């Protein structure tokens, strides 16, 4: 999911620890507001 022109959700949620422990690091739909806001602030 593209959050801003230069940032995707996958980029902002990558985690070697989560991958190694097979833990989902995907935010619930209700929690997407913060990654969208972070991407917008980083884009500016």
N, C-alpha and C. Protein backbone atom coordinates (compact mmCIF):
# COMPACT_ATOMS: atom_id res chain seq x y z
N UNK A 1 0.85 -1.17 0.00
CA UNK A 1 0.00 0.00 0.00
C UNK A 1 0.90 1.23 0.00
N UNK A 2 0.67 2.13 -0.94
CA UNK A 2 1.44 3.35 -1.04
C UNK A 2 0.84 4.39 -0.09
N UNK A 3 1.63 4.88 0.85
CA UNK A 3 1.16 5.86 1.83
C UNK A 3 1.44 7.28 1.39
N UNK A 4 2.50 7.46 0.64
CA UNK A 4 2.90 8.76 0.10
C UNK A 4 3.68 8.45 -1.18
N UNK A 5 3.94 9.44 -2.02
CA UNK A 5 4.64 9.14 -3.27
C UNK A 5 5.95 8.35 -3.10
N UNK A 6 6.66 8.60 -2.02
CA UNK A 6 7.96 7.93 -1.83
C UNK A 6 7.99 6.89 -0.73
N UNK A 7 6.86 6.59 -0.10
CA UNK A 7 6.84 5.65 1.02
C UNK A 7 5.69 4.66 0.91
N UNK A 8 6.01 3.39 1.13
CA UNK A 8 4.98 2.35 1.15
C UNK A 8 4.82 1.83 2.57
N UNK A 9 3.71 1.21 2.83
CA UNK A 9 3.47 0.62 4.15
C UNK A 9 4.52 -0.45 4.43
N UNK A 10 4.89 -1.21 3.42
CA UNK A 10 5.89 -2.27 3.59
C UNK A 10 7.23 -1.70 4.06
N UNK A 11 7.61 -0.53 3.52
CA UNK A 11 8.87 0.09 3.93
C UNK A 11 8.85 0.54 5.40
N UNK A 12 7.69 1.01 5.84
CA UNK A 12 7.60 1.53 7.20
C UNK A 12 7.36 0.45 8.25
N UNK A 13 7.06 -0.77 7.83
CA UNK A 13 6.78 -1.82 8.80
C UNK A 13 7.75 -2.99 8.70
N UNK A 14 8.82 -2.84 7.93
CA UNK A 14 9.80 -3.92 7.83
C UNK A 14 10.48 -4.15 9.18
N UNK A 15 10.65 -5.41 9.53
CA UNK A 15 11.27 -5.76 10.80
C UNK A 15 11.94 -7.11 10.69
N UNK A 16 13.25 -7.13 10.86
CA UNK A 16 13.98 -8.41 10.83
C UNK A 16 13.54 -9.30 11.99
N UNK A 17 13.29 -8.70 13.14
CA UNK A 17 12.86 -9.48 14.31
C UNK A 17 11.51 -10.13 14.06
N UNK A 18 10.57 -9.37 13.52
CA UNK A 18 9.24 -9.93 13.23
C UNK A 18 9.37 -11.04 12.20
N UNK A 19 10.19 -10.84 11.19
CA UNK A 19 10.38 -11.87 10.17
C UNK A 19 11.00 -13.12 10.79
N UNK A 20 12.02 -12.92 11.61
CA UNK A 20 12.72 -14.06 12.23
C UNK A 20 11.79 -14.84 13.17
N UNK A 21 10.94 -14.12 13.90
CA UNK A 21 10.04 -14.77 14.85
C UNK A 21 8.68 -15.10 14.24
N UNK A 22 8.54 -14.81 12.94
CA UNK A 22 7.30 -15.07 12.21
C UNK A 22 6.09 -14.39 12.87
N UNK A 23 6.30 -13.11 13.20
CA UNK A 23 5.26 -12.28 13.80
C UNK A 23 4.80 -11.29 12.74
N UNK A 24 3.50 -11.15 12.59
CA UNK A 24 2.97 -10.16 11.66
C UNK A 24 3.25 -8.76 12.19
N UNK A 25 3.77 -7.92 11.33
CA UNK A 25 4.03 -6.53 11.71
C UNK A 25 3.11 -5.59 10.94
N UNK A 26 2.02 -6.13 10.42
CA UNK A 26 1.06 -5.33 9.66
C UNK A 26 0.06 -4.67 10.62
N UNK A 27 -0.12 -3.36 10.49
CA UNK A 27 -1.08 -2.68 11.36
C UNK A 27 -2.52 -3.04 10.96
N UNK A 28 -3.39 -3.06 11.93
CA UNK A 28 -4.81 -3.27 11.67
C UNK A 28 -5.34 -2.06 10.91
N UNK A 29 -6.40 -2.23 10.12
CA UNK A 29 -6.95 -1.09 9.37
C UNK A 29 -7.23 0.14 10.25
N UNK A 30 -7.65 -0.09 11.47
CA UNK A 30 -7.93 1.03 12.37
C UNK A 30 -6.67 1.78 12.78
N UNK A 31 -5.50 1.18 12.58
CA UNK A 31 -4.24 1.80 13.01
C UNK A 31 -3.44 2.38 11.84
N UNK A 32 -4.01 2.47 10.68
CA UNK A 32 -3.28 2.99 9.52
C UNK A 32 -3.11 4.50 9.52
N UNK A 33 -3.82 5.18 10.38
CA UNK A 33 -3.72 6.64 10.42
C UNK A 33 -2.29 7.09 10.75
N UNK A 34 -1.65 6.48 11.71
CA UNK A 34 -0.30 6.90 12.11
C UNK A 34 0.75 6.66 11.03
N UNK A 35 0.79 5.49 10.38
CA UNK A 35 1.77 5.34 9.29
C UNK A 35 1.52 6.32 8.13
N UNK A 36 0.26 6.60 7.84
CA UNK A 36 -0.04 7.58 6.79
C UNK A 36 0.47 8.96 7.18
N UNK A 37 0.27 9.33 8.43
CA UNK A 37 0.72 10.64 8.91
C UNK A 37 2.26 10.70 8.91
N UNK A 38 2.90 9.65 9.35
CA UNK A 38 4.37 9.60 9.35
C UNK A 38 4.90 9.75 7.94
N UNK A 39 4.32 9.01 6.99
CA UNK A 39 4.77 9.10 5.59
C UNK A 39 4.58 10.51 5.06
N UNK A 40 3.48 11.13 5.37
CA UNK A 40 3.23 12.50 4.90
C UNK A 40 4.25 13.48 5.49
N UNK A 41 4.58 13.31 6.75
CA UNK A 41 5.57 14.19 7.38
C UNK A 41 6.97 13.96 6.81
N UNK A 42 7.32 12.72 6.53
CA UNK A 42 8.62 12.42 5.95
C UNK A 42 8.70 12.91 4.51
N UNK A 43 7.59 12.88 3.82
CA UNK A 43 7.54 13.32 2.43
C UNK A 43 7.78 14.83 2.30
N UNK A 44 7.32 15.56 3.29
CA UNK A 44 7.40 17.03 3.22
C UNK A 44 8.78 17.52 3.35
